[in-house]
Amino acid sequence: MNKNIFLFMIFATVLYFSYELYRPFLQHILIASLLAIATSNIQKLFLHNNKILVSSVMTLSLAILFFVPITYTIFVGFNYINTLDTASISNMIDFIKAVILAILNFFGINENITQELKLKDTFTNVVTTVASFGKYSLKFIADIFMILIFYFFILLYGKAIVTYLKNATPLNESESSSMFREISSVLAVVFYSILINAVFQGVLFGVVSSAFGLDGVLLGVLYGFCSLIPIIGGLLMWLPTSIYLLYLGNFFGAIFLIIYSIVFISILADTFIKPLIIKYINKKLLKSAASVNELLIFFSIVAGLSVYGFWGMIIGPAITALLISILNLYANKKLEI
């Protein structure tokens, strides 16, 4: 047997079993790698310090960033759910049904359609959804824990990993460095803009919610997470919150919250201030500005969320940045020819 064929067969076999061995952790490793690339500019500021200390501090910071709001939301949310009784839920469902019927009648929709609204039957679905949410929350926390472990080691050995990958590819030093720079810049813009925008919008919504006697911290954190969903993210928070204020009899608060959320948060903050944040991050905080169009970054986030779920907001832009880098590399090679 030819030696090269034999080595290839061994390599293919080992590669297959390695894939089977690490398959449960591949997504964790991928996301941890992308997060490490996105925050690599921060790590470079402290390269002269102890690598273990820097990696530990950055991992701890990311853990606080993820775990504190998620743990608080889950803890407070389940405590609130435990205080509800079936009568309160039934009354709330009746009220929501009345609101929906009023809206449909206002727009002249046939009452035969409204009769099909069997919101009482949703009680079982609500309980099932809450149980599913609890199960998903535990899995999400476990995923974050694994991501943080891989994130630490990738930060710790990042330079050696990057050097090995550069040497393993047939690309020359300038080409591989350019590709890494492109992906790093795009991921940094996405990571920092999402983080700042979520905190900014969450604070705006939380402050107003507190003014009407609601748990501003809980609603602010939830709004921050929902703001990660493009287009309809804010709607998922201000609509049920407004209905709840109506249920409490606070008509002014409900109307004000709707107008405030649409005008100040969705239009001003998300449409006008968010691009300014992205531009500032791109021009001021990053040494090499991302060359990928901001609109393309936005659509890559939307596509990533729809295909890969929550972590798609990182995976989508990474795939897009890699595609753009390869196309640019091909164009440059073609010009050289």
C-alpha atoms as a PDB file:
ATOM      1  CA  MET A   1       0.000   0.000   0.000  1.00  0.00           C
ATOM      2  CA  ASN A   2       1.199   3.484  -0.825  1.00  0.00           C
ATOM      3  CA  LYS A   3       2.570   5.289   2.234  1.00  0.00           C
ATOM      4  CA  ASN A   4       0.602   8.490   1.548  1.00  0.00           C
ATOM      5  CA  ILE A   5      -2.663   6.568   1.168  1.00  0.00           C
ATOM      6  CA  PHE A   6      -1.978   4.721   4.422  1.00  0.00           C
ATOM      7  CA  LEU A   7      -1.277   7.967   6.289  1.00  0.00           C
ATOM      8  CA  PHE A   8      -4.386   9.562   4.803  1.00  0.00           C
ATOM      9  CA  MET A   9      -6.543   6.626   5.941  1.00  0.00           C
ATOM     10  CA  ILE A  10      -5.132   6.864   9.467  1.00  0.00           C
ATOM     11  CA  PHE A  11      -5.655  10.616   9.490  1.00  0.00           C
ATOM     12  CA  ALA A  12      -9.266  10.293   8.259  1.00  0.00           C
ATOM     13  CA  THR A  13     -10.011   7.619  10.872  1.00  0.00           C
ATOM     14  CA  VAL A  14      -8.509   9.636  13.725  1.00  0.00           C
ATOM     15  CA  LEU A  15     -10.281  12.761  12.481  1.00  0.00           C
ATOM     16  CA  TYR A  16     -13.637  10.959  12.477  1.00  0.00           C
ATOM     17  CA  PHE A  17     -13.248   9.600  16.023  1.00  0.00           C
ATOM     18  CA  SER A  18     -11.955  12.970  17.211  1.00  0.00           C
ATOM     19  CA  TYR A  19     -15.069  14.579  15.783  1.00  0.00           C
ATOM     20  CA  GLU A  20     -17.285  12.035  17.575  1.00  0.00           C
ATOM     21  CA  LEU A  21     -15.341  12.601  20.795  1.00  0.00           C
ATOM     22  CA  TYR A  22     -15.547  16.395  20.803  1.00  0.00           C
ATOM     23  CA  ARG A  23     -18.867  16.827  18.962  1.00  0.00           C
ATOM     24  CA  PRO A  24     -20.832  17.833  22.130  1.00  0.00           C
ATOM     25  CA  PHE A  25     -18.330  20.646  22.710  1.00  0.00           C
ATOM     26  CA  LEU A  26     -17.806  21.923  19.169  1.00  0.00           C
ATOM     27  CA  GLN A  27     -20.336  24.748  19.467  1.00  0.00           C
ATOM     28  CA  HIS A  28     -18.889  25.754  22.851  1.00  0.00           C
ATOM     29  CA  ILE A  29     -15.378  25.821  21.396  1.00  0.00           C
ATOM     30  CA  LEU A  30     -16.541  27.803  18.350  1.00  0.00           C
ATOM     31  CA  ILE A  31     -18.366  30.441  20.403  1.00  0.00           C
ATOM     32  CA  ALA A  32     -15.518  30.696  22.919  1.00  0.00           C
ATOM     33  CA  SER A  33     -13.075  31.175  20.033  1.00  0.00           C
ATOM     34  CA  LEU A  34     -15.216  33.908  18.472  1.00  0.00           C
ATOM     35  CA  LEU A  35     -15.593  35.685  21.820  1.00  0.00           C
ATOM     36  CA  ALA A  36     -11.839  35.460  22.345  1.00  0.00           C
ATOM     37  CA  ILE A  37     -11.260  36.969  18.897  1.00  0.00           C
ATOM     38  CA  ALA A  38     -13.818  39.721  19.600  1.00  0.00           C
ATOM     39  CA  THR A  39     -12.074  40.682  22.858  1.00  0.00           C
ATOM     40  CA  SER A  40      -8.515  40.148  21.610  1.00  0.00           C
ATOM     41  CA  ASN A  41      -7.911  43.921  21.432  1.00  0.00           C
ATOM     42  CA  ILE A  42      -8.488  44.144  25.198  1.00  0.00           C
ATOM     43  CA  GLN A  43      -6.068  41.300  25.829  1.00  0.00           C
ATOM     44  CA  LYS A  44      -3.403  43.016  23.713  1.00  0.00           C
ATOM     45  CA  LEU A  45      -3.459  45.991  26.083  1.00  0.00           C
ATOM     46  CA  PHE A  46      -2.234  43.737  28.905  1.00  0.00           C
ATOM     47  CA  LEU A  47       0.167  41.444  27.066  1.00  0.00           C
ATOM     48  CA  HIS A  48       3.040  42.650  29.248  1.00  0.00           C
ATOM     49  CA  ASN A  49       1.251  41.327  32.356  1.00  0.00           C
ATOM     50  CA  ASN A  50       0.883  37.771  33.620  1.00  0.00           C
ATOM     51  CA  LYS A  51      -1.014  35.778  30.970  1.00  0.00           C
ATOM     52  CA  ILE A  52      -2.821  33.604  33.507  1.00  0.00           C
ATOM     53  CA  LEU A  53      -3.917  36.660  35.498  1.00  0.00           C
ATOM     54  CA  VAL A  54      -5.138  38.530  32.400  1.00  0.00           C
ATOM     55  CA  SER A  55      -7.009  35.473  31.100  1.00  0.00           C
ATOM     56  CA  SER A  56      -8.571  34.893  34.525  1.00  0.00           C
ATOM     57  CA  VAL A  57      -9.713  38.512  34.903  1.00  0.00           C
ATOM     58  CA  MET A  58     -11.202  38.614  31.400  1.00  0.00           C
ATOM     59  CA  THR A  59     -12.980  35.282  31.923  1.00  0.00           C
ATOM     60  CA  LEU A  60     -14.323  36.438  35.288  1.00  0.00           C
ATOM     61  CA  SER A  61     -15.543  39.693  33.718  1.00  0.00           C
ATOM     62  CA  LEU A  62     -17.339  37.779  30.970  1.00  0.00           C
ATOM     63  CA  ALA A  63     -18.827  35.427  33.576  1.00  0.00           C
ATOM     64  CA  ILE A  64     -20.195  38.371  35.556  1.00  0.00           C
ATOM     65  CA  LEU A  65     -21.523  39.900  32.352  1.00  0.00           C
ATOM     66  CA  PHE A  66     -23.444  36.708  31.527  1.00  0.00           C
ATOM     67  CA  PHE A  67     -24.304  35.142  34.862  1.00  0.00           C
ATOM     68  CA  VAL A  68     -25.359  38.115  36.988  1.00  0.00           C
ATOM     69  CA  PRO A  69     -28.266  39.349  34.806  1.00  0.00           C
ATOM     70  CA  ILE A  70     -29.335  35.828  33.800  1.00  0.00           C
ATOM     71  CA  THR A  71     -29.266  34.494  37.371  1.00  0.00           C
ATOM     72  CA  TYR A  72     -31.127  37.545  38.653  1.00  0.00           C
ATOM     73  CA  THR A  73     -33.771  37.243  35.934  1.00  0.00           C
ATOM     74  CA  ILE A  74     -34.341  33.530  36.532  1.00  0.00           C
ATOM     75  CA  PHE A  75     -34.426  33.890  40.330  1.00  0.00           C
ATOM     76  CA  VAL A  76     -36.793  36.872  40.417  1.00  0.00           C
ATOM     77  CA  GLY A  77     -38.893  35.533  37.539  1.00  0.00           C
ATOM     78  CA  PHE A  78     -39.553  32.180  39.186  1.00  0.00           C
ATOM     79  CA  ASN A  79     -40.230  33.832  42.533  1.00  0.00           C
ATOM     80  CA  TYR A  80     -42.837  35.993  40.838  1.00  0.00           C
ATOM     81  CA  ILE A  81     -44.376  32.996  39.077  1.00  0.00           C
ATOM     82  CA  ASN A  82     -44.610  31.128  42.390  1.00  0.00           C
ATOM     83  CA  THR A  83     -46.640  33.987  43.882  1.00  0.00           C
ATOM     84  CA  LEU A  84     -49.267  33.735  41.142  1.00  0.00           C
ATOM     85  CA  ASP A  85     -52.410  31.695  41.671  1.00  0.00           C
ATOM     86  CA  THR A  86     -54.781  30.218  39.111  1.00  0.00           C
ATOM     87  CA  ALA A  87     -57.373  32.935  39.767  1.00  0.00           C
ATOM     88  CA  SER A  88     -54.885  35.709  38.953  1.00  0.00           C
ATOM     89  CA  ILE A  89     -53.781  33.951  35.780  1.00  0.00           C
ATOM     90  CA  SER A  90     -57.392  33.345  34.750  1.00  0.00           C
ATOM     91  CA  ASN A  91     -58.280  37.006  35.333  1.00  0.00           C
ATOM     92  CA  MET A  92     -55.240  38.107  33.367  1.00  0.00           C
ATOM     93  CA  ILE A  93     -56.171  35.837  30.452  1.00  0.00           C
ATOM     94  CA  ASP A  94     -59.736  37.184  30.482  1.00  0.00           C
ATOM     95  CA  PHE A  95     -58.398  40.730  30.442  1.00  0.00           C
ATOM     96  CA  ILE A  96     -56.000  40.013  27.568  1.00  0.00           C
ATOM     97  CA  LYS A  97     -58.857  38.434  25.639  1.00  0.00           C
ATOM     98  CA  ALA A  98     -60.995  41.532  26.217  1.00  0.00           C
ATOM     99  CA  VAL A  99     -58.162  43.792  25.010  1.00  0.00           C
ATOM    100  CA  ILE A 100     -57.624  41.701  21.868  1.00  0.00           C
ATOM    101  CA  LEU A 101     -61.355  41.640  21.132  1.00  0.00           C
ATOM    102  CA  ALA A 102     -61.554  45.412  21.554  1.00  0.00           C
ATOM    103  CA  ILE A 103     -58.639  45.942  19.165  1.00  0.00           C
ATOM    104  CA  LEU A 104     -60.087  43.552  16.581  1.00  0.00           C
ATOM    105  CA  ASN A 105     -63.529  45.168  16.824  1.00  0.00           C
ATOM    106  CA  PHE A 106     -61.952  48.616  16.497  1.00  0.00           C
ATOM    107  CA  PHE A 107     -60.475  47.577  13.150  1.00  0.00           C
ATOM    108  CA  GLY A 108     -63.793  46.007  12.107  1.00  0.00           C
ATOM    109  CA  ILE A 109     -62.615  42.412  12.065  1.00  0.00           C
ATOM    110  CA  ASN A 110     -65.403  39.824  11.858  1.00  0.00           C
ATOM    111  CA  GLU A 111     -66.569  38.595  15.256  1.00  0.00           C
ATOM    112  CA  ASN A 112     -66.567  35.004  13.984  1.00  0.00           C
ATOM    113  CA  ILE A 113     -62.793  35.228  14.044  1.00  0.00           C
ATOM    114  CA  THR A 114     -62.757  36.562  17.573  1.00  0.00           C
ATOM    115  CA  GLN A 115     -64.866  33.638  18.756  1.00  0.00           C
ATOM    116  CA  GLU A 116     -61.981  31.344  17.859  1.00  0.00           C
ATOM    117  CA  LEU A 117     -59.831  32.990  20.511  1.00  0.00           C
ATOM    118  CA  LYS A 118     -59.864  30.323  23.217  1.00  0.00           C
ATOM    119  CA  LEU A 119     -57.417  31.974  25.549  1.00  0.00           C
ATOM    120  CA  LYS A 120     -58.664  29.927  28.485  1.00  0.00           C
ATOM    121  CA  ASP A 121     -57.096  26.922  26.833  1.00  0.00           C
ATOM    122  CA  THR A 122     -53.730  28.641  26.938  1.00  0.00           C
ATOM    123  CA  PHE A 123     -53.419  28.115  30.693  1.00  0.00           C
ATOM    124  CA  THR A 124     -51.984  24.639  30.123  1.00  0.00           C
ATOM    125  CA  ASN A 125     -49.702  26.051  27.440  1.00  0.00           C
ATOM    126  CA  VAL A 126     -48.481  28.736  29.843  1.00  0.00           C
ATOM    127  CA  VAL A 127     -47.524  26.115  32.430  1.00  0.00           C
ATOM    128  CA  THR A 128     -45.802  24.014  29.756  1.00  0.00           C
ATOM    129  CA  THR A 129     -43.957  27.064  28.448  1.00  0.00           C
ATOM    130  CA  VAL A 130     -42.753  28.002  31.935  1.00  0.00           C
ATOM    131  CA  ALA A 131     -41.468  24.452  32.468  1.00  0.00           C
ATOM    132  CA  SER A 132     -39.725  24.494  29.086  1.00  0.00           C
ATOM    133  CA  PHE A 133     -38.234  27.895  29.875  1.00  0.00           C
ATOM    134  CA  GLY A 134     -36.824  26.549  33.123  1.00  0.00           C
ATOM    135  CA  LYS A 135     -35.279  23.570  31.339  1.00  0.00           C
ATOM    136  CA  TYR A 136     -33.832  25.806  28.607  1.00  0.00           C
ATOM    137  CA  SER A 137     -32.468  28.239  31.221  1.00  0.00           C
ATOM    138  CA  LEU A 138     -30.554  25.460  32.982  1.00  0.00           C
ATOM    139  CA  LYS A 139     -29.135  24.251  29.657  1.00  0.00           C
ATOM    140  CA  PHE A 140     -28.220  27.821  28.706  1.00  0.00           C
ATOM    141  CA  ILE A 141     -26.346  28.318  31.989  1.00  0.00           C
ATOM    142  CA  ALA A 142     -24.520  25.003  31.474  1.00  0.00           C
ATOM    143  CA  ASP A 143     -23.567  26.112  27.944  1.00  0.00           C
ATOM    144  CA  ILE A 144     -22.232  29.421  29.246  1.00  0.00           C
ATOM    145  CA  PHE A 145     -20.181  27.592  31.885  1.00  0.00           C
ATOM    146  CA  MET A 146     -18.537  25.395  29.236  1.00  0.00           C
ATOM    147  CA  ILE A 147     -17.972  28.395  26.953  1.00  0.00           C
ATOM    148  CA  LEU A 148     -16.214  30.256  29.774  1.00  0.00           C
ATOM    149  CA  ILE A 149     -13.883  27.306  30.409  1.00  0.00           C
ATOM    150  CA  PHE A 150     -12.865  27.126  26.746  1.00  0.00           C
ATOM    151  CA  TYR A 151     -12.700  30.939  26.592  1.00  0.00           C
ATOM    152  CA  PHE A 152     -10.107  30.973  29.395  1.00  0.00           C
ATOM    153  CA  PHE A 153      -7.830  28.422  27.731  1.00  0.00           C
ATOM    154  CA  ILE A 154      -8.158  30.017  24.292  1.00  0.00           C
ATOM    155  CA  LEU A 155      -7.136  33.367  25.795  1.00  0.00           C
ATOM    156  CA  LEU A 156      -4.265  31.724  27.644  1.00  0.00           C
ATOM    157  CA  TYR A 157      -2.878  29.924  24.589  1.00  0.00           C
ATOM    158  CA  GLY A 158      -4.357  32.223  21.938  1.00  0.00           C
ATOM    159  CA  LYS A 159      -1.062  33.451  20.520  1.00  0.00           C
ATOM    160  CA  ALA A 160       0.265  29.914  20.072  1.00  0.00           C
ATOM    161  CA  ILE A 161      -3.027  28.780  18.503  1.00  0.00           C
ATOM    162  CA  VAL A 162      -3.054  31.678  16.019  1.00  0.00           C
ATOM    163  CA  THR A 163       0.592  31.068  15.095  1.00  0.00           C
ATOM    164  CA  TYR A 164      -0.087  27.363  14.519  1.00  0.00           C
ATOM    165  CA  LEU A 165      -3.152  28.069  12.356  1.00  0.00           C
ATOM    166  CA  LYS A 166      -1.201  30.595  10.280  1.00  0.00           C
ATOM    167  CA  ASN A 167       1.573  28.050   9.696  1.00  0.00           C
ATOM    168  CA  ALA A 168      -0.925  25.270   8.928  1.00  0.00           C
ATOM    169  CA  THR A 169      -2.657  27.212   6.153  1.00  0.00           C
ATOM    170  CA  PRO A 170      -1.140  27.669   2.677  1.00  0.00           C
ATOM    171  CA  LEU A 171      -1.644  31.443   2.968  1.00  0.00           C
ATOM    172  CA  ASN A 172       1.331  33.733   3.471  1.00  0.00           C
ATOM    173  CA  GLU A 173       1.776  35.880   6.585  1.00  0.00           C
ATOM    174  CA  SER A 174       0.154  39.039   5.205  1.00  0.00           C
ATOM    175  CA  GLU A 175      -2.878  37.176   3.842  1.00  0.00           C
ATOM    176  CA  SER A 176      -3.585  35.211   7.022  1.00  0.00           C
ATOM    177  CA  SER A 177      -3.026  38.315   9.183  1.00  0.00           C
ATOM    178  CA  SER A 178      -5.391  40.335   6.990  1.00  0.00           C
ATOM    179  CA  MET A 179      -8.077  37.647   7.265  1.00  0.00           C
ATOM    180  CA  PHE A 180      -7.711  37.440  11.056  1.00  0.00           C
ATOM    181  CA  ARG A 181      -7.789  41.242  11.337  1.00  0.00           C
ATOM    182  CA  GLU A 182     -11.003  41.428   9.303  1.00  0.00           C
ATOM    183  CA  ILE A 183     -12.811  38.806  11.383  1.00  0.00           C
ATOM    184  CA  SER A 184     -11.516  40.288  14.641  1.00  0.00           C
ATOM    185  CA  SER A 185     -12.680  43.802  13.726  1.00  0.00           C
ATOM    186  CA  VAL A 186     -16.175  42.683  12.692  1.00  0.00           C
ATOM    187  CA  LEU A 187     -16.649  40.532  15.797  1.00  0.00           C
ATOM    188  CA  ALA A 188     -15.410  43.335  18.037  1.00  0.00           C
ATOM    189  CA  VAL A 189     -17.888  45.790  16.479  1.00  0.00           C
ATOM    190  CA  VAL A 190     -20.723  43.271  16.890  1.00  0.00           C
ATOM    191  CA  PHE A 191     -19.803  42.309  20.462  1.00  0.00           C
ATOM    192  CA  TYR A 192     -19.303  45.817  21.849  1.00  0.00           C
ATOM    193  CA  SER A 193     -22.230  47.387  19.984  1.00  0.00           C
ATOM    194  CA  ILE A 194     -24.619  44.624  21.115  1.00  0.00           C
ATOM    195  CA  LEU A 195     -23.400  44.929  24.694  1.00  0.00           C
ATOM    196  CA  ILE A 196     -23.610  48.727  24.878  1.00  0.00           C
ATOM    197  CA  ASN A 197     -26.929  48.860  23.035  1.00  0.00           C
ATOM    198  CA  ALA A 198     -28.517  46.188  25.266  1.00  0.00           C
ATOM    199  CA  VAL A 199     -27.419  47.996  28.434  1.00  0.00           C
ATOM    200  CA  PHE A 200     -28.503  51.378  27.069  1.00  0.00           C
ATOM    201  CA  GLN A 201     -31.978  50.266  25.993  1.00  0.00           C
ATOM    202  CA  GLY A 202     -32.438  48.159  29.122  1.00  0.00           C
ATOM    203  CA  VAL A 203     -31.697  51.167  31.331  1.00  0.00           C
ATOM    204  CA  LEU A 204     -34.095  53.376  29.355  1.00  0.00           C
ATOM    205  CA  PHE A 205     -36.926  50.859  29.722  1.00  0.00           C
ATOM    206  CA  GLY A 206     -36.101  49.958  33.318  1.00  0.00           C
ATOM    207  CA  VAL A 207     -36.147  53.567  34.540  1.00  0.00           C
ATOM    208  CA  VAL A 208     -39.617  54.234  33.111  1.00  0.00           C
ATOM    209  CA  SER A 209     -40.930  50.892  34.380  1.00  0.00           C
ATOM    210  CA  SER A 210     -39.735  51.764  37.874  1.00  0.00           C
ATOM    211  CA  ALA A 211     -41.557  55.090  37.667  1.00  0.00           C
ATOM    212  CA  PHE A 212     -44.835  53.159  37.309  1.00  0.00           C
ATOM    213  CA  GLY A 213     -44.173  50.901  40.282  1.00  0.00           C
ATOM    214  CA  LEU A 214     -42.857  47.869  38.383  1.00  0.00           C
ATOM    215  CA  ASP A 215     -39.606  45.971  38.925  1.00  0.00           C
ATOM    216  CA  GLY A 216     -37.384  48.169  36.792  1.00  0.00           C
ATOM    217  CA  VAL A 217     -34.271  46.021  37.206  1.00  0.00           C
ATOM    218  CA  LEU A 218     -36.007  42.822  36.088  1.00  0.00           C
ATOM    219  CA  LEU A 219     -37.812  44.478  33.174  1.00  0.00           C
ATOM    220  CA  GLY A 220     -34.666  46.367  32.186  1.00  0.00           C
ATOM    221  CA  VAL A 221     -32.602  43.169  32.066  1.00  0.00           C
ATOM    222  CA  LEU A 222     -35.329  41.381  30.091  1.00  0.00           C
ATOM    223  CA  TYR A 223     -35.604  44.317  27.682  1.00  0.00           C
ATOM    224  CA  GLY A 224     -31.835  44.283  27.234  1.00  0.00           C
ATOM    225  CA  PHE A 225     -31.949  40.616  26.206  1.00  0.00           C
ATOM    226  CA  CYS A 226     -34.989  41.174  23.973  1.00  0.00           C
ATOM    227  CA  SER A 227     -33.251  44.108  22.273  1.00  0.00           C
ATOM    228  CA  LEU A 228     -30.799  41.567  20.861  1.00  0.00           C
ATOM    229  CA  ILE A 229     -33.646  40.359  18.624  1.00  0.00           C
ATOM    230  CA  PRO A 230     -33.794  42.723  15.628  1.00  0.00           C
ATOM    231  CA  ILE A 231     -37.013  44.557  14.685  1.00  0.00           C
ATOM    232  CA  ILE A 232     -39.465  42.907  17.130  1.00  0.00           C
ATOM    233  CA  GLY A 233     -37.227  42.643  20.204  1.00  0.00           C
ATOM    234  CA  GLY A 234     -38.608  45.677  22.029  1.00  0.00           C
ATOM    235  CA  LEU A 235     -42.187  44.778  21.129  1.00  0.00           C
ATOM    236  CA  LEU A 236     -41.847  41.540  23.080  1.00  0.00           C
ATOM    237  CA  MET A 237     -41.378  43.611  26.240  1.00  0.00           C
ATOM    238  CA  TRP A 238     -43.333  46.855  25.997  1.00  0.00           C
ATOM    239  CA  LEU A 239     -46.541  45.237  24.669  1.00  0.00           C
ATOM    240  CA  PRO A 240     -47.109  42.759  27.549  1.00  0.00           C
ATOM    241  CA  THR A 241     -45.887  45.327  30.076  1.00  0.00           C
ATOM    242  CA  SER A 242     -48.379  47.882  28.745  1.00  0.00           C
ATOM    243  CA  ILE A 243     -51.194  45.313  28.878  1.00  0.00           C
ATOM    244  CA  TYR A 244     -50.215  44.538  32.472  1.00  0.00           C
ATOM    245  CA  LEU A 245     -50.395  48.242  33.350  1.00  0.00           C
ATOM    246  CA  LEU A 246     -53.847  48.357  31.754  1.00  0.00           C
ATOM    247  CA  TYR A 247     -54.820  45.337  33.848  1.00  0.00           C
ATOM    248  CA  LEU A 248     -53.716  47.250  36.953  1.00  0.00           C
ATOM    249  CA  GLY A 249     -55.890  50.181  35.853  1.00  0.00           C
ATOM    250  CA  ASN A 250     -52.988  52.483  34.959  1.00  0.00           C
ATOM    251  CA  PHE A 251     -54.233  53.670  31.559  1.00  0.00           C
ATOM    252  CA  PHE A 252     -51.886  56.666  31.422  1.00  0.00           C
ATOM    253  CA  GLY A 253     -48.872  54.499  32.269  1.00  0.00           C
ATOM    254  CA  ALA A 254     -49.731  51.975  29.551  1.00  0.00           C
ATOM    255  CA  ILE A 255     -50.145  54.615  26.832  1.00  0.00           C
ATOM    256  CA  PHE A 256     -47.045  56.513  27.948  1.00  0.00           C
ATOM    257  CA  LEU A 257     -44.963  53.316  27.981  1.00  0.00           C
ATOM    258  CA  ILE A 258     -46.076  52.422  24.442  1.00  0.00           C
ATOM    259  CA  ILE A 259     -45.262  55.887  23.053  1.00  0.00           C
ATOM    260  CA  TYR A 260     -41.999  56.096  25.007  1.00  0.00           C
ATOM    261  CA  SER A 261     -40.859  52.635  23.868  1.00  0.00           C
ATOM    262  CA  ILE A 262     -41.675  53.264  20.208  1.00  0.00           C
ATOM    263  CA  VAL A 263     -40.441  56.863  19.909  1.00  0.00           C
ATOM    264  CA  PHE A 264     -37.499  57.083  22.314  1.00  0.00           C
ATOM    265  CA  ILE A 265     -36.208  53.514  22.427  1.00  0.00           C
ATOM    266  CA  SER A 266     -37.133  51.890  19.095  1.00  0.00           C
ATOM    267  CA  ILE A 267     -36.783  54.967  16.859  1.00  0.00           C
ATOM    268  CA  LEU A 268     -34.285  57.299  18.541  1.00  0.00           C
ATOM    269  CA  ALA A 269     -32.101  54.833  20.474  1.00  0.00           C
ATOM    270  CA  ASP A 270     -32.181  51.829  18.128  1.00  0.00           C
ATOM    271  CA  THR A 271     -32.420  53.595  14.755  1.00  0.00           C
ATOM    272  CA  PHE A 272     -30.272  56.700  15.281  1.00  0.00           C
ATOM    273  CA  ILE A 273     -28.104  56.245  18.377  1.00  0.00           C
ATOM    274  CA  LYS A 274     -27.141  52.591  17.731  1.00  0.00           C
ATOM    275  CA  PRO A 275     -25.435  53.348  14.360  1.00  0.00           C
ATOM    276  CA  LEU A 276     -23.518  56.150  16.097  1.00  0.00           C
ATOM    277  CA  ILE A 277     -22.376  53.677  18.749  1.00  0.00           C
ATOM    278  CA  ILE A 278     -21.218  51.234  16.056  1.00  0.00           C
ATOM    279  CA  LYS A 279     -19.438  54.042  14.201  1.00  0.00           C
ATOM    280  CA  TYR A 280     -17.710  55.235  17.383  1.00  0.00           C
ATOM    281  CA  ILE A 281     -16.565  51.716  18.247  1.00  0.00           C
ATOM    282  CA  ASN A 282     -15.398  51.137  14.680  1.00  0.00           C
ATOM    283  CA  LYS A 283     -13.436  54.380  14.434  1.00  0.00           C
ATOM    284  CA  LYS A 284     -12.244  55.074  17.982  1.00  0.00           C
ATOM    285  CA  LEU A 285     -11.984  51.848  19.964  1.00  0.00           C
ATOM    286  CA  LEU A 286     -10.577  49.556  17.262  1.00  0.00           C
ATOM    287  CA  LYS A 287      -7.107  49.953  15.829  1.00  0.00           C
ATOM    288  CA  SER A 288      -8.248  48.607  12.460  1.00  0.00           C
ATOM    289  CA  ALA A 289     -11.778  49.574  11.428  1.00  0.00           C
ATOM    290  CA  ALA A 290     -14.041  46.868  10.057  1.00  0.00           C
ATOM    291  CA  SER A 291     -14.438  47.143   6.301  1.00  0.00           C
ATOM    292  CA  VAL A 292     -17.712  45.185   6.255  1.00  0.00           C
ATOM    293  CA  ASN A 293     -20.746  47.414   5.713  1.00  0.00           C
ATOM    294  CA  GLU A 294     -22.824  48.090   8.840  1.00  0.00           C
ATOM    295  CA  LEU A 295     -26.025  47.038   7.054  1.00  0.00           C
ATOM    296  CA  LEU A 296     -24.400  43.727   6.105  1.00  0.00           C
ATOM    297  CA  ILE A 297     -23.391  43.222   9.737  1.00  0.00           C
ATOM    298  CA  PHE A 298     -27.003  43.857  10.771  1.00  0.00           C
ATOM    299  CA  PHE A 299     -28.382  41.284   8.314  1.00  0.00           C
ATOM    300  CA  SER A 300     -25.712  38.773   9.321  1.00  0.00           C
ATOM    301  CA  ILE A 301     -26.902  39.095  12.938  1.00  0.00           C
ATOM    302  CA  VAL A 302     -30.532  38.566  11.857  1.00  0.00           C
ATOM    303  CA  ALA A 303     -29.584  35.546   9.733  1.00  0.00           C
ATOM    304  CA  GLY A 304     -27.418  34.126  12.504  1.00  0.00           C
ATOM    305  CA  LEU A 305     -30.210  34.411  15.074  1.00  0.00           C
ATOM    306  CA  SER A 306     -32.694  32.696  12.757  1.00  0.00           C
ATOM    307  CA  VAL A 307     -30.355  29.790  11.943  1.00  0.00           C
ATOM    308  CA  TYR A 308     -28.234  29.269  15.068  1.00  0.00           C
ATOM    309  CA  GLY A 309     -30.411  30.747  17.800  1.00  0.00           C
ATOM    310  CA  PHE A 310     -29.062  33.035  20.535  1.00  0.00           C
ATOM    311  CA  TRP A 311     -25.385  32.542  19.706  1.00  0.00           C
ATOM    312  CA  GLY A 312     -26.109  33.230  16.039  1.00  0.00           C
ATOM    313  CA  MET A 313     -25.524  36.916  16.735  1.00  0.00           C
ATOM    314  CA  ILE A 314     -21.812  36.029  16.961  1.00  0.00           C
ATOM    315  CA  ILE A 315     -21.657  33.120  14.502  1.00  0.00           C
ATOM    316  CA  GLY A 316     -23.518  34.962  11.701  1.00  0.00           C
ATOM    317  CA  PRO A 317     -21.151  37.963  11.510  1.00  0.00           C
ATOM    318  CA  ALA A 318     -18.135  35.639  11.813  1.00  0.00           C
ATOM    319  CA  ILE A 319     -19.226  33.598   8.785  1.00  0.00           C
ATOM    320  CA  THR A 320     -19.972  36.799   6.858  1.00  0.00           C
ATOM    321  CA  ALA A 321     -16.603  38.334   7.742  1.00  0.00           C
ATOM    322  CA  LEU A 322     -14.816  35.133   6.700  1.00  0.00           C
ATOM    323  CA  LEU A 323     -16.693  35.113   3.387  1.00  0.00           C
ATOM    324  CA  ILE A 324     -15.797  38.761   2.711  1.00  0.00           C
ATOM    325  CA  SER A 325     -12.156  38.081   3.595  1.00  0.00           C
ATOM    326  CA  ILE A 326     -11.975  35.126   1.209  1.00  0.00           C
ATOM    327  CA  LEU A 327     -13.616  37.151  -1.581  1.00  0.00           C
ATOM    328  CA  ASN A 328     -11.154  40.016  -1.004  1.00  0.00           C
ATOM    329  CA  LEU A 329      -8.282  37.538  -1.009  1.00  0.00           C
ATOM    330  CA  TYR A 330      -9.512  36.034  -4.282  1.00  0.00           C
ATOM    331  CA  ALA A 331      -9.904  39.497  -5.831  1.00  0.00           C
ATOM    332  CA  ASN A 332      -6.358  40.461  -4.834  1.00  0.00           C
ATOM    333  CA  LYS A 333      -4.975  37.202  -6.238  1.00  0.00           C
ATOM    334  CA  LYS A 334      -6.835  37.787  -9.495  1.00  0.00           C
ATOM    335  CA  LEU A 335      -5.373  41.295  -9.764  1.00  0.00           C
ATOM    336  CA  GLU A 336      -1.874  39.892  -9.255  1.00  0.00           C
ATOM    337  CA  ILE A 337      -2.429  37.442 -12.111  1.00  0.00           C
END
